[in-house]
């Protein structure tokens, strides 16, 4: 019987991948994809929390500005002692939004008298 060299060399080549190699490669790929997806989820949650915190801080600042425009004053937070005691007063304003307290410090400086 005559042997066809082309077909014989193709059939004789045993360099194909086994099912075990394919399963190992698929498992490694799945693990890498799982780690990558968890990283994406963590980054997305961090971005959401940062945006929410920024929005709450902006809302707290708007509320404090409104209170200042209405003439409301909070307690004096700290009085400067020393050379500028008669010119500088520091006031503390706080707002509570969604359980988070936002504190703003206002410096009130009188002009120099000549």
PDB file of N, CA and C in Angstrom:
ATOM      1  N   UNK A   1       0.830  -1.159   0.000  1.00  0.00           N
ATOM      2  CA  UNK A   1       0.000   0.000   0.000  1.00  0.00           C
ATOM      3  C   UNK A   1       0.887   1.239   0.000  1.00  0.00           C
ATOM      4  N   UNK A   2       0.461   2.136  -0.742  1.00  0.00           N
ATOM      5  CA  UNK A   2       1.246   3.333  -0.920  1.00  0.00           C
ATOM      6  C   UNK A   2       0.955   4.335   0.196  1.00  0.00           C
ATOM      7  N   UNK A   3       1.983   4.949   0.713  1.00  0.00           N
ATOM      8  CA  UNK A   3       1.864   5.895   1.813  1.00  0.00           C
ATOM      9  C   UNK A   3       1.951   7.312   1.259  1.00  0.00           C
ATOM     10  N   UNK A   4       0.971   8.148   1.598  1.00  0.00           N
ATOM     11  CA  UNK A   4       0.995   9.532   1.151  1.00  0.00           C
ATOM     12  C   UNK A   4       1.776  10.319   2.194  1.00  0.00           C
ATOM     13  N   UNK A   5       2.808  10.949   1.742  1.00  0.00           N
ATOM     14  CA  UNK A   5       3.714  11.606   2.684  1.00  0.00           C
ATOM     15  C   UNK A   5       3.067  12.797   3.389  1.00  0.00           C
ATOM     16  N   UNK A   6       2.260  13.538   2.706  1.00  0.00           N
ATOM     17  CA  UNK A   6       1.648  14.721   3.315  1.00  0.00           C
ATOM     18  C   UNK A   6       0.705  14.329   4.440  1.00  0.00           C
ATOM     19  N   UNK A   7      -0.180  13.393   4.184  1.00  0.00           N
ATOM     20  CA  UNK A   7      -1.130  12.945   5.197  1.00  0.00           C
ATOM     21  C   UNK A   7      -0.416  12.246   6.333  1.00  0.00           C
ATOM     22  N   UNK A   8       0.565  11.505   6.041  1.00  0.00           N
ATOM     23  CA  UNK A   8       1.304  10.783   7.069  1.00  0.00           C
ATOM     24  C   UNK A   8       2.020  11.723   8.021  1.00  0.00           C
ATOM     25  N   UNK A   9       2.570  12.788   7.474  1.00  0.00           N
ATOM     26  CA  UNK A   9       3.280  13.714   8.362  1.00  0.00           C
ATOM     27  C   UNK A   9       2.311  14.507   9.237  1.00  0.00           C
ATOM     28  N   UNK A  10       1.121  14.786   8.727  1.00  0.00           N
ATOM     29  CA  UNK A  10       0.116  15.495   9.528  1.00  0.00           C
ATOM     30  C   UNK A  10      -0.379  14.605  10.650  1.00  0.00           C
ATOM     31  N   UNK A  11      -0.639  13.326  10.339  1.00  0.00           N
ATOM     32  CA  UNK A  11      -1.145  12.408  11.358  1.00  0.00           C
ATOM     33  C   UNK A  11      -0.075  12.030  12.362  1.00  0.00           C
ATOM     34  N   UNK A  12       1.151  12.024  11.954  1.00  0.00           N
ATOM     35  CA  UNK A  12       2.234  11.637  12.842  1.00  0.00           C
ATOM     36  C   UNK A  12       2.579  12.743  13.838  1.00  0.00           C
ATOM     37  N   UNK A  13       2.236  13.958  13.515  1.00  0.00           N
ATOM     38  CA  UNK A  13       2.547  15.089  14.399  1.00  0.00           C
ATOM     39  C   UNK A  13       1.639  15.030  15.616  1.00  0.00           C
ATOM     40  N   UNK A  14       2.214  14.925  16.791  1.00  0.00           N
ATOM     41  CA  UNK A  14       1.448  14.822  18.036  1.00  0.00           C
ATOM     42  C   UNK A  14       1.619  16.078  18.892  1.00  0.00           C
ATOM     43  N   UNK A  15       1.737  17.239  18.289  1.00  0.00           N
ATOM     44  CA  UNK A  15       2.008  18.457  19.047  1.00  0.00           C
ATOM     45  C   UNK A  15       0.735  19.199  19.435  1.00  0.00           C
ATOM     46  N   UNK A  16      -0.433  18.597  19.334  1.00  0.00           N
ATOM     47  CA  UNK A  16      -1.688  19.243  19.705  1.00  0.00           C
ATOM     48  C   UNK A  16      -1.821  19.385  21.213  1.00  0.00           C
ATOM     49  N   UNK A  17      -2.758  20.217  21.647  1.00  0.00           N
ATOM     50  CA  UNK A  17      -2.975  20.440  23.065  1.00  0.00           C
ATOM     51  C   UNK A  17      -3.951  19.407  23.608  1.00  0.00           C
ATOM     52  N   UNK A  18      -3.668  18.952  24.802  1.00  0.00           N
ATOM     53  CA  UNK A  18      -4.567  17.992  25.441  1.00  0.00           C
ATOM     54  C   UNK A  18      -5.689  18.745  26.144  1.00  0.00           C
ATOM     55  N   UNK A  19      -6.688  18.028  26.529  1.00  0.00           N
ATOM     56  CA  UNK A  19      -7.828  18.635  27.213  1.00  0.00           C
ATOM     57  C   UNK A  19      -7.409  19.207  28.569  1.00  0.00           C
ATOM     58  N   UNK A  20      -6.425  18.587  29.209  1.00  0.00           N
ATOM     59  CA  UNK A  20      -5.944  19.081  30.499  1.00  0.00           C
ATOM     60  C   UNK A  20      -5.275  20.443  30.321  1.00  0.00           C
ATOM     61  N   UNK A  21      -4.483  20.601  29.300  1.00  0.00           N
ATOM     62  CA  UNK A  21      -3.841  21.888  29.045  1.00  0.00           C
ATOM     63  C   UNK A  21      -4.867  22.978  28.768  1.00  0.00           C
ATOM     64  N   UNK A  22      -5.895  22.617  28.015  1.00  0.00           N
ATOM     65  CA  UNK A  22      -6.950  23.580  27.705  1.00  0.00           C
ATOM     66  C   UNK A  22      -7.693  23.981  28.981  1.00  0.00           C
ATOM     67  N   UNK A  23      -8.001  23.020  29.841  1.00  0.00           N
ATOM     68  CA  UNK A  23      -8.688  23.319  31.102  1.00  0.00           C
ATOM     69  C   UNK A  23      -7.832  24.195  32.024  1.00  0.00           C
ATOM     70  N   UNK A  24      -6.525  23.913  32.080  1.00  0.00           N
ATOM     71  CA  UNK A  24      -5.641  24.726  32.907  1.00  0.00           C
ATOM     72  C   UNK A  24      -5.592  26.157  32.372  1.00  0.00           C
ATOM     73  N   UNK A  25      -5.472  26.317  31.066  1.00  0.00           N
ATOM     74  CA  UNK A  25      -5.433  27.658  30.474  1.00  0.00           C
ATOM     75  C   UNK A  25      -6.750  28.394  30.712  1.00  0.00           C
ATOM     76  N   UNK A  26      -7.869  27.691  30.554  1.00  0.00           N
ATOM     77  CA  UNK A  26      -9.174  28.316  30.787  1.00  0.00           C
ATOM     78  C   UNK A  26      -9.344  28.712  32.252  1.00  0.00           C
ATOM     79  N   UNK A  27      -8.870  27.880  33.174  1.00  0.00           N
ATOM     80  CA  UNK A  27      -8.958  28.181  34.602  1.00  0.00           C
ATOM     81  C   UNK A  27      -8.124  29.422  34.939  1.00  0.00           C
ATOM     82  N   UNK A  28      -6.903  29.473  34.428  1.00  0.00           N
ATOM     83  CA  UNK A  28      -6.060  30.652  34.670  1.00  0.00           C
ATOM     84  C   UNK A  28      -6.686  31.916  34.097  1.00  0.00           C
ATOM     85  N   UNK A  29      -7.233  31.825  32.909  1.00  0.00           N
ATOM     86  CA  UNK A  29      -7.901  32.969  32.294  1.00  0.00           C
ATOM     87  C   UNK A  29      -9.096  33.413  33.132  1.00  0.00           C
ATOM     88  N   UNK A  30      -9.858  32.451  33.647  1.00  0.00           N
ATOM     89  CA  UNK A  30     -11.019  32.782  34.484  1.00  0.00           C
ATOM     90  C   UNK A  30     -10.601  33.488  35.772  1.00  0.00           C
ATOM     91  N   UNK A  31      -9.515  33.021  36.385  1.00  0.00           N
ATOM     92  CA  UNK A  31      -9.031  33.648  37.622  1.00  0.00           C
ATOM     93  C   UNK A  31      -8.573  35.073  37.349  1.00  0.00           C
ATOM     94  N   UNK A  32      -7.847  35.283  36.269  1.00  0.00           N
ATOM     95  CA  UNK A  32      -7.382  36.619  35.917  1.00  0.00           C
ATOM     96  C   UNK A  32      -8.571  37.541  35.637  1.00  0.00           C
ATOM     97  N   UNK A  33      -9.573  37.046  34.942  1.00  0.00           N
ATOM     98  CA  UNK A  33     -10.760  37.862  34.657  1.00  0.00           C
ATOM     99  C   UNK A  33     -11.523  38.190  35.936  1.00  0.00           C
ATOM    100  N   UNK A  34     -11.577  37.254  36.875  1.00  0.00           N
ATOM    101  CA  UNK A  34     -12.252  37.489  38.152  1.00  0.00           C
ATOM    102  C   UNK A  34     -11.536  38.595  38.934  1.00  0.00           C
ATOM    103  N   UNK A  35     -10.217  38.538  39.001  1.00  0.00           N
ATOM    104  CA  UNK A  35      -9.447  39.562  39.698  1.00  0.00           C
ATOM    105  C   UNK A  35      -9.657  40.921  39.032  1.00  0.00           C
ATOM    106  N   UNK A  36      -9.621  40.961  37.720  1.00  0.00           N
ATOM    107  CA  UNK A  36      -9.814  42.208  36.982  1.00  0.00           C
ATOM    108  C   UNK A  36     -11.207  42.782  37.233  1.00  0.00           C
ATOM    109  N   UNK A  37     -12.230  41.927  37.225  1.00  0.00           N
ATOM    110  CA  UNK A  37     -13.597  42.419  37.436  1.00  0.00           C
ATOM    111  C   UNK A  37     -13.784  42.938  38.864  1.00  0.00           C
ATOM    112  N   UNK A  38     -13.130  42.315  39.845  1.00  0.00           N
ATOM    113  CA  UNK A  38     -13.221  42.804  41.220  1.00  0.00           C
ATOM    114  C   UNK A  38     -12.542  44.167  41.351  1.00  0.00           C
ATOM    115  N   UNK A  39     -11.452  44.359  40.629  1.00  0.00           N
ATOM    116  CA  UNK A  39     -10.784  45.660  40.633  1.00  0.00           C
ATOM    117  C   UNK A  39     -11.664  46.739  40.031  1.00  0.00           C
ATOM    118  N   UNK A  40     -12.346  46.408  38.946  1.00  0.00           N
ATOM    119  CA  UNK A  40     -13.264  47.359  38.312  1.00  0.00           C
ATOM    120  C   UNK A  40     -14.419  47.691  39.261  1.00  0.00           C
ATOM    121  N   UNK A  41     -14.967  46.682  39.936  1.00  0.00           N
ATOM    122  CA  UNK A  41     -16.071  46.910  40.873  1.00  0.00           C
ATOM    123  C   UNK A  41     -15.616  47.799  42.040  1.00  0.00           C
ATOM    124  N   UNK A  42     -14.405  47.552  42.560  1.00  0.00           N
ATOM    125  CA  UNK A  42     -13.889  48.371  43.659  1.00  0.00           C
ATOM    126  C   UNK A  42     -13.717  49.820  43.218  1.00  0.00           C
ATOM    127  N   UNK A  43     -13.167  50.022  42.028  1.00  0.00           N
ATOM    128  CA  UNK A  43     -12.964  51.380  41.519  1.00  0.00           C
ATOM    129  C   UNK A  43     -14.299  52.088  41.293  1.00  0.00           C
ATOM    130  N   UNK A  44     -15.286  51.367  40.789  1.00  0.00           N
ATOM    131  CA  UNK A  44     -16.603  51.963  40.556  1.00  0.00           C
ATOM    132  C   UNK A  44     -17.252  52.386  41.871  1.00  0.00           C
ATOM    133  N   UNK A  45     -17.166  51.531  42.887  1.00  0.00           N
ATOM    134  CA  UNK A  45     -17.732  51.877  44.199  1.00  0.00           C
ATOM    135  C   UNK A  45     -17.004  53.056  44.828  1.00  0.00           C
ATOM    136  N   UNK A  46     -15.687  53.102  44.685  1.00  0.00           N
ATOM    137  CA  UNK A  46     -14.917  54.222  45.235  1.00  0.00           C
ATOM    138  C   UNK A  46     -15.304  55.521  44.543  1.00  0.00           C
ATOM    139  N   UNK A  47     -15.499  55.473  43.233  1.00  0.00           N
ATOM    140  CA  UNK A  47     -15.904  56.679  42.503  1.00  0.00           C
ATOM    141  C   UNK A  47     -17.287  57.144  42.959  1.00  0.00           C
ATOM    142  N   UNK A  48     -18.217  56.202  43.164  1.00  0.00           N
ATOM    143  CA  UNK A  48     -19.560  56.552  43.620  1.00  0.00           C
ATOM    144  C   UNK A  48     -19.503  57.228  44.993  1.00  0.00           C
ATOM    145  N   UNK A  49     -18.728  56.636  45.915  1.00  0.00           N
ATOM    146  CA  UNK A  49     -18.625  57.214  47.262  1.00  0.00           C
ATOM    147  C   UNK A  49     -17.976  58.601  47.225  1.00  0.00           C
ATOM    148  N   UNK A  50     -16.948  58.766  46.392  1.00  0.00           N
ATOM    149  CA  UNK A  50     -16.287  60.071  46.286  1.00  0.00           C
ATOM    150  C   UNK A  50     -17.240  61.120  45.724  1.00  0.00           C
ATOM    151  N   UNK A  51     -18.012  60.751  44.701  1.00  0.00           N
ATOM    152  CA  UNK A  51     -18.981  61.698  44.131  1.00  0.00           C
ATOM    153  C   UNK A  51     -20.055  62.064  45.143  1.00  0.00           C
ATOM    154  N   UNK A  52     -20.536  61.074  45.890  1.00  0.00           N
ATOM    155  CA  UNK A  52     -21.559  61.326  46.906  1.00  0.00           C
ATOM    156  C   UNK A  52     -21.018  62.248  48.006  1.00  0.00           C
ATOM    157  N   UNK A  53     -19.784  62.011  48.428  1.00  0.00           N
ATOM    158  CA  UNK A  53     -19.174  62.847  49.456  1.00  0.00           C
ATOM    159  C   UNK A  53     -18.986  64.273  48.948  1.00  0.00           C
ATOM    160  N   UNK A  54     -18.569  64.432  47.686  1.00  0.00           N
ATOM    161  CA  UNK A  54     -18.392  65.768  47.110  1.00  0.00           C
ATOM    162  C   UNK A  54     -19.729  66.495  47.021  1.00  0.00           C
ATOM    163  N   UNK A  55     -20.785  65.799  46.589  1.00  0.00           N
ATOM    164  CA  UNK A  55     -22.106  66.411  46.499  1.00  0.00           C
ATOM    165  C   UNK A  55     -22.605  66.841  47.880  1.00  0.00           C
ATOM    166  N   UNK A  56     -22.381  65.996  48.895  1.00  0.00           N
ATOM    167  CA  UNK A  56     -22.791  66.355  50.255  1.00  0.00           C
ATOM    168  C   UNK A  56     -22.004  67.546  50.779  1.00  0.00           C
ATOM    169  N   UNK A  57     -20.701  67.598  50.493  1.00  0.00           N
ATOM    170  CA  UNK A  57     -19.891  68.736  50.928  1.00  0.00           C
ATOM    171  C   UNK A  57     -20.348  70.016  50.237  1.00  0.00           C
ATOM    172  N   UNK A  58     -20.682  69.927  48.965  1.00  0.00           N
ATOM    173  CA  UNK A  58     -21.194  71.104  48.254  1.00  0.00           C
ATOM    174  C   UNK A  58     -22.516  71.580  48.852  1.00  0.00           C
ATOM    175  N   UNK A  59     -23.388  70.632  49.184  1.00  0.00           N
ATOM    176  CA  UNK A  59     -24.674  70.985  49.791  1.00  0.00           C
ATOM    177  C   UNK A  59     -24.462  71.616  51.167  1.00  0.00           C
ATOM    178  N   UNK A  60     -23.528  71.091  51.944  1.00  0.00           N
ATOM    179  CA  UNK A  60     -23.242  71.674  53.261  1.00  0.00           C
ATOM    180  C   UNK A  60     -22.712  73.094  53.115  1.00  0.00           C
ATOM    181  N   UNK A  61     -21.847  73.324  52.136  1.00  0.00           N
ATOM    182  CA  UNK A  61     -21.318  74.668  51.917  1.00  0.00           C
ATOM    183  C   UNK A  61     -22.427  75.626  51.489  1.00  0.00           C
ATOM    184  N   UNK A  62     -23.346  75.163  50.635  1.00  0.00           N
ATOM    185  CA  UNK A  62     -24.479  76.010  50.242  1.00  0.00           C
ATOM    186  C   UNK A  62     -25.321  76.393  51.456  1.00  0.00           C
ATOM    187  N   UNK A  63     -25.546  75.432  52.352  1.00  0.00           N
ATOM    188  CA  UNK A  63     -26.342  75.713  53.550  1.00  0.00           C
ATOM    189  C   UNK A  63     -25.654  76.727  54.456  1.00  0.00           C
ATOM    190  N   UNK A  64     -24.335  76.578  54.626  1.00  0.00           N
ATOM    191  CA  UNK A  64     -23.594  77.525  55.467  1.00  0.00           C
ATOM    192  C   UNK A  64     -23.609  78.906  54.830  1.00  0.00           C
ATOM    193  N   UNK A  65     -23.424  78.991  53.523  1.00  0.00           N
ATOM    194  CA  UNK A  65     -23.467  80.283  52.844  1.00  0.00           C
ATOM    195  C   UNK A  65     -24.845  80.928  52.985  1.00  0.00           C
ATOM    196  N   UNK A  66     -25.897  80.121  52.917  1.00  0.00           N
ATOM    197  CA  UNK A  66     -27.245  80.656  53.099  1.00  0.00           C
ATOM    198  C   UNK A  66     -27.403  81.197  54.521  1.00  0.00           C
ATOM    199  N   UNK A  67     -26.921  80.451  55.506  1.00  0.00           N
ATOM    200  CA  UNK A  67     -27.019  80.906  56.892  1.00  0.00           C
ATOM    201  C   UNK A  67     -26.247  82.202  57.098  1.00  0.00           C
ATOM    202  N   UNK A  68     -25.073  82.304  56.490  1.00  0.00           N
ATOM    203  CA  UNK A  68     -24.290  83.535  56.617  1.00  0.00           C
ATOM    204  C   UNK A  68     -25.004  84.699  55.949  1.00  0.00           C
ATOM    205  N   UNK A  69     -25.639  84.438  54.795  1.00  0.00           N
ATOM    206  CA  UNK A  69     -26.373  85.497  54.088  1.00  0.00           C
ATOM    207  C   UNK A  69     -27.570  85.969  54.906  1.00  0.00           C
ATOM    208  N   UNK A  70     -28.148  85.079  55.711  1.00  0.00           N
ATOM    209  CA  UNK A  70     -29.279  85.443  56.564  1.00  0.00           C
ATOM    210  C   UNK A  70     -28.839  86.132  57.850  1.00  0.00           C
ATOM    211  N   UNK A  71     -27.534  86.189  58.069  1.00  0.00           N
ATOM    212  CA  UNK A  71     -27.024  86.863  59.262  1.00  0.00           C
ATOM    213  C   UNK A  71     -26.873  85.962  60.474  1.00  0.00           C
ATOM    214  N   UNK A  72     -27.030  84.670  60.304  1.00  0.00           N
ATOM    215  CA  UNK A  72     -26.862  83.752  61.434  1.00  0.00           C
ATOM    216  C   UNK A  72     -25.392  83.635  61.793  1.00  0.00           C
ATOM    217  N   UNK A  73     -25.132  83.482  63.067  1.00  0.00           N
ATOM    218  CA  UNK A  73     -23.768  83.307  63.543  1.00  0.00           C
ATOM    219  C   UNK A  73     -23.732  82.080  64.448  1.00  0.00           C
ATOM    220  N   UNK A  74     -22.696  81.297  64.288  1.00  0.00           N
ATOM    221  CA  UNK A  74     -22.468  80.168  65.186  1.00  0.00           C
ATOM    222  C   UNK A  74     -21.527  80.619  66.296  1.00  0.00           C
ATOM    223  N   UNK A  75     -21.219  79.706  67.178  1.00  0.00           N
ATOM    224  CA  UNK A  75     -20.326  80.009  68.288  1.00  0.00           C
ATOM    225  C   UNK A  75     -18.937  80.411  67.772  1.00  0.00           C
ATOM    226  N   UNK A  76     -18.249  81.214  68.531  1.00  0.00           N
ATOM    227  CA  UNK A  76     -16.871  81.554  68.174  1.00  0.00           C
ATOM    228  C   UNK A  76     -16.020  80.330  68.433  1.00  0.00           C
ATOM    229  N   UNK A  77     -15.302  79.909  67.438  1.00  0.00           N
ATOM    230  CA  UNK A  77     -14.505  78.689  67.535  1.00  0.00           C
ATOM    231  C   UNK A  77     -13.185  78.961  68.249  1.00  0.00           C
ATOM    232  N   UNK A  78     -12.540  80.038  67.874  1.00  0.00           N
ATOM    233  CA  UNK A  78     -11.250  80.349  68.464  1.00  0.00           C
ATOM    234  C   UNK A  78     -11.011  81.845  68.354  1.00  0.00           C
ATOM    235  N   UNK A  79     -10.600  82.433  69.424  1.00  0.00           N
ATOM    236  CA  UNK A  79     -10.252  83.860  69.398  1.00  0.00           C
ATOM    237  C   UNK A  79      -8.732  83.952  69.348  1.00  0.00           C
ATOM    238  N   UNK A  80      -8.231  84.723  68.407  1.00  0.00           N
ATOM    239  CA  UNK A  80      -6.790  84.894  68.271  1.00  0.00           C
ATOM    240  C   UNK A  80      -6.264  85.648  69.483  1.00  0.00           C
ATOM    241  N   UNK A  81      -5.179  85.176  70.027  1.00  0.00           N
ATOM    242  CA  UNK A  81      -4.548  85.822  71.180  1.00  0.00           C
ATOM    243  C   UNK A  81      -3.249  86.454  70.698  1.00  0.00           C
ATOM    244  N   UNK A  82      -3.006  87.650  71.152  1.00  0.00           N
ATOM    245  CA  UNK A  82      -1.749  88.302  70.802  1.00  0.00           C
ATOM    246  C   UNK A  82      -1.964  89.552  69.984  1.00  0.00           C
ATOM    247  N   UNK A  83      -1.055  89.788  69.092  1.00  0.00           N
ATOM    248  CA  UNK A  83      -0.995  91.024  68.331  1.00  0.00           C
ATOM    249  C   UNK A  83      -2.271  91.318  67.541  1.00  0.00           C
ATOM    250  N   UNK A  84      -2.925  90.306  66.998  1.00  0.00           N
ATOM    251  CA  UNK A  84      -4.089  90.508  66.142  1.00  0.00           C
ATOM    252  C   UNK A  84      -5.407  90.181  66.845  1.00  0.00           C
ATOM    253  N   UNK A  85      -5.408  90.106  68.153  1.00  0.00           N
ATOM    254  CA  UNK A  85      -6.595  89.714  68.896  1.00  0.00           C
ATOM    255  C   UNK A  85      -7.778  90.636  68.637  1.00  0.00           C
ATOM    256  N   UNK A  86      -7.524  91.905  68.424  1.00  0.00           N
ATOM    257  CA  UNK A  86      -8.617  92.846  68.205  1.00  0.00           C
ATOM    258  C   UNK A  86      -9.103  92.834  66.751  1.00  0.00           C
ATOM    259  N   UNK A  87      -8.406  92.176  65.842  1.00  0.00           N
ATOM    260  CA  UNK A  87      -8.753  92.215  64.425  1.00  0.00           C
ATOM    261  C   UNK A  87      -9.276  90.897  63.861  1.00  0.00           C
ATOM    262  N   UNK A  88      -8.891  89.764  64.438  1.00  0.00           N
ATOM    263  CA  UNK A  88      -9.206  88.466  63.837  1.00  0.00           C
ATOM    264  C   UNK A  88     -10.127  87.670  64.754  1.00  0.00           C
ATOM    265  N   UNK A  89     -11.195  87.162  64.158  1.00  0.00           N
ATOM    266  CA  UNK A  89     -12.100  86.271  64.883  1.00  0.00           C
ATOM    267  C   UNK A  89     -12.363  85.069  63.981  1.00  0.00           C
ATOM    268  N   UNK A  90     -12.322  83.878  64.561  1.00  0.00           N
ATOM    269  CA  UNK A  90     -12.550  82.659  63.789  1.00  0.00           C
ATOM    270  C   UNK A  90     -13.866  82.043  64.253  1.00  0.00           C
ATOM    271  N   UNK A  91     -14.741  81.746  63.294  1.00  0.00           N
ATOM    272  CA  UNK A  91     -16.031  81.129  63.624  1.00  0.00           C
ATOM    273  C   UNK A  91     -16.113  79.753  62.980  1.00  0.00           C
ATOM    274  N   UNK A  92     -16.767  78.872  63.685  1.00  0.00           N
ATOM    275  CA  UNK A  92     -16.926  77.490  63.225  1.00  0.00           C
ATOM    276  C   UNK A  92     -18.382  77.265  62.859  1.00  0.00           C
ATOM    277  N   UNK A  93     -18.611  76.752  61.648  1.00  0.00           N
ATOM    278  CA  UNK A  93     -19.953  76.405  61.196  1.00  0.00           C
ATOM    279  C   UNK A  93     -19.955  74.941  60.811  1.00  0.00           C
ATOM    280  N   UNK A  94     -20.985  74.221  61.228  1.00  0.00           N
ATOM    281  CA  UNK A  94     -21.050  72.806  60.871  1.00  0.00           C
ATOM    282  C   UNK A  94     -22.436  72.471  60.328  1.00  0.00           C
ATOM    283  N   UNK A  95     -22.459  71.552  59.408  1.00  0.00           N
ATOM    284  CA  UNK A  95     -23.695  71.034  58.818  1.00  0.00           C
ATOM    285  C   UNK A  95     -23.621  69.522  58.825  1.00  0.00           C
ATOM    286  N   UNK A  96     -24.751  68.892  59.084  1.00  0.00           N
ATOM    287  CA  UNK A  96     -24.825  67.440  59.103  1.00  0.00           C
ATOM    288  C   UNK A  96     -25.690  66.977  57.940  1.00  0.00           C
ATOM    289  N   UNK A  97     -25.103  66.208  57.024  1.00  0.00           N
ATOM    290  CA  UNK A  97     -25.831  65.701  55.863  1.00  0.00           C
ATOM    291  C   UNK A  97     -25.587  64.205  55.765  1.00  0.00           C
ATOM    292  N   UNK A  98     -26.663  63.440  55.749  1.00  0.00           N
ATOM    293  CA  UNK A  98     -26.602  61.974  55.651  1.00  0.00           C
ATOM    294  C   UNK A  98     -25.683  61.358  56.703  1.00  0.00           C
ATOM    295  N   UNK A  99     -25.715  61.888  57.917  1.00  0.00           N
ATOM    296  CA  UNK A  99     -24.922  61.332  59.001  1.00  0.00           C
ATOM    297  C   UNK A  99     -23.468  61.767  58.998  1.00  0.00           C
ATOM    298  N   UNK A 100     -23.065  62.555  58.040  1.00  0.00           N
ATOM    299  CA  UNK A 100     -21.683  63.045  57.961  1.00  0.00           C
ATOM    300  C   UNK A 100     -21.660  64.512  58.344  1.00  0.00           C
ATOM    301  N   UNK A 101     -20.771  64.876  59.265  1.00  0.00           N
ATOM    302  CA  UNK A 101     -20.680  66.267  59.681  1.00  0.00           C
ATOM    303  C   UNK A 101     -19.602  66.976  58.863  1.00  0.00           C
ATOM    304  N   UNK A 102     -19.972  68.118  58.298  1.00  0.00           N
ATOM    305  CA  UNK A 102     -19.052  68.939  57.524  1.00  0.00           C
ATOM    306  C   UNK A 102     -18.814  70.220  58.303  1.00  0.00           C
ATOM    307  N   UNK A 103     -17.564  70.555  58.532  1.00  0.00           N
ATOM    308  CA  UNK A 103     -17.196  71.713  59.344  1.00  0.00           C
ATOM    309  C   UNK A 103     -16.489  72.729  58.457  1.00  0.00           C
ATOM    310  N   UNK A 104     -16.927  73.978  58.570  1.00  0.00           N
ATOM    311  CA  UNK A 104     -16.324  75.077  57.825  1.00  0.00           C
ATOM    312  C   UNK A 104     -15.854  76.118  58.829  1.00  0.00           C
ATOM    313  N   UNK A 105     -14.679  76.648  58.575  1.00  0.00           N
ATOM    314  CA  UNK A 105     -14.097  77.664  59.445  1.00  0.00           C
ATOM    315  C   UNK A 105     -14.121  78.990  58.695  1.00  0.00           C
ATOM    316  N   UNK A 106     -14.653  80.018  59.358  1.00  0.00           N
ATOM    317  CA  UNK A 106     -14.743  81.353  58.747  1.00  0.00           C
ATOM    318  C   UNK A 106     -13.841  82.298  59.522  1.00  0.00           C
ATOM    319  N   UNK A 107     -12.963  82.949  58.808  1.00  0.00           N
ATOM    320  CA  UNK A 107     -12.070  83.933  59.405  1.00  0.00           C
ATOM    321  C   UNK A 107     -12.661  85.318  59.162  1.00  0.00           C
ATOM    322  N   UNK A 108     -12.886  86.045  60.224  1.00  0.00           N
ATOM    323  CA  UNK A 108     -13.400  87.405  60.134  1.00  0.00           C
ATOM    324  C   UNK A 108     -12.274  88.359  60.548  1.00  0.00           C
ATOM    325  N   UNK A 109     -11.778  89.127  59.583  1.00  0.00           N
ATOM    326  CA  UNK A 109     -10.640  90.013  59.823  1.00  0.00           C
ATOM    327  C   UNK A 109     -11.088  91.457  59.648  1.00  0.00           C
ATOM    328  N   UNK A 110     -10.848  92.250  60.652  1.00  0.00           N
ATOM    329  CA  UNK A 110     -11.162  93.682  60.576  1.00  0.00           C
ATOM    330  C   UNK A 110     -10.014  94.408  59.860  1.00  0.00           C
ATOM    331  N   UNK A 111     -10.318  95.458  59.135  1.00  0.00           N
ATOM    332  CA  UNK A 111      -9.256  96.206  58.455  1.00  0.00           C
ATOM    333  C   UNK A 111      -8.396  96.981  59.457  1.00  0.00           C
ATOM    334  N   UNK A 112      -7.192  97.277  59.021  1.00  0.00           N
ATOM    335  CA  UNK A 112      -6.287  98.079  59.862  1.00  0.00           C
ATOM    336  C   UNK A 112      -6.819  99.488  60.014  1.00  0.00           C
ATOM    337  N   UNK A 113      -6.699 100.011  61.205  1.00  0.00           N
ATOM    338  CA  UNK A 113      -7.103 101.409  61.432  1.00  0.00           C
ATOM    339  C   UNK A 113      -5.877 102.273  61.354  1.00  0.00           C
ATOM    340  N   UNK A 114      -5.993 103.349  60.647  1.00  0.00           N
ATOM    341  CA  UNK A 114      -4.846 104.222  60.445  1.00  0.00           C
ATOM    342  C   UNK A 114      -4.876 105.403  61.359  1.00  0.00           C
TER     343      UNK A 114
END
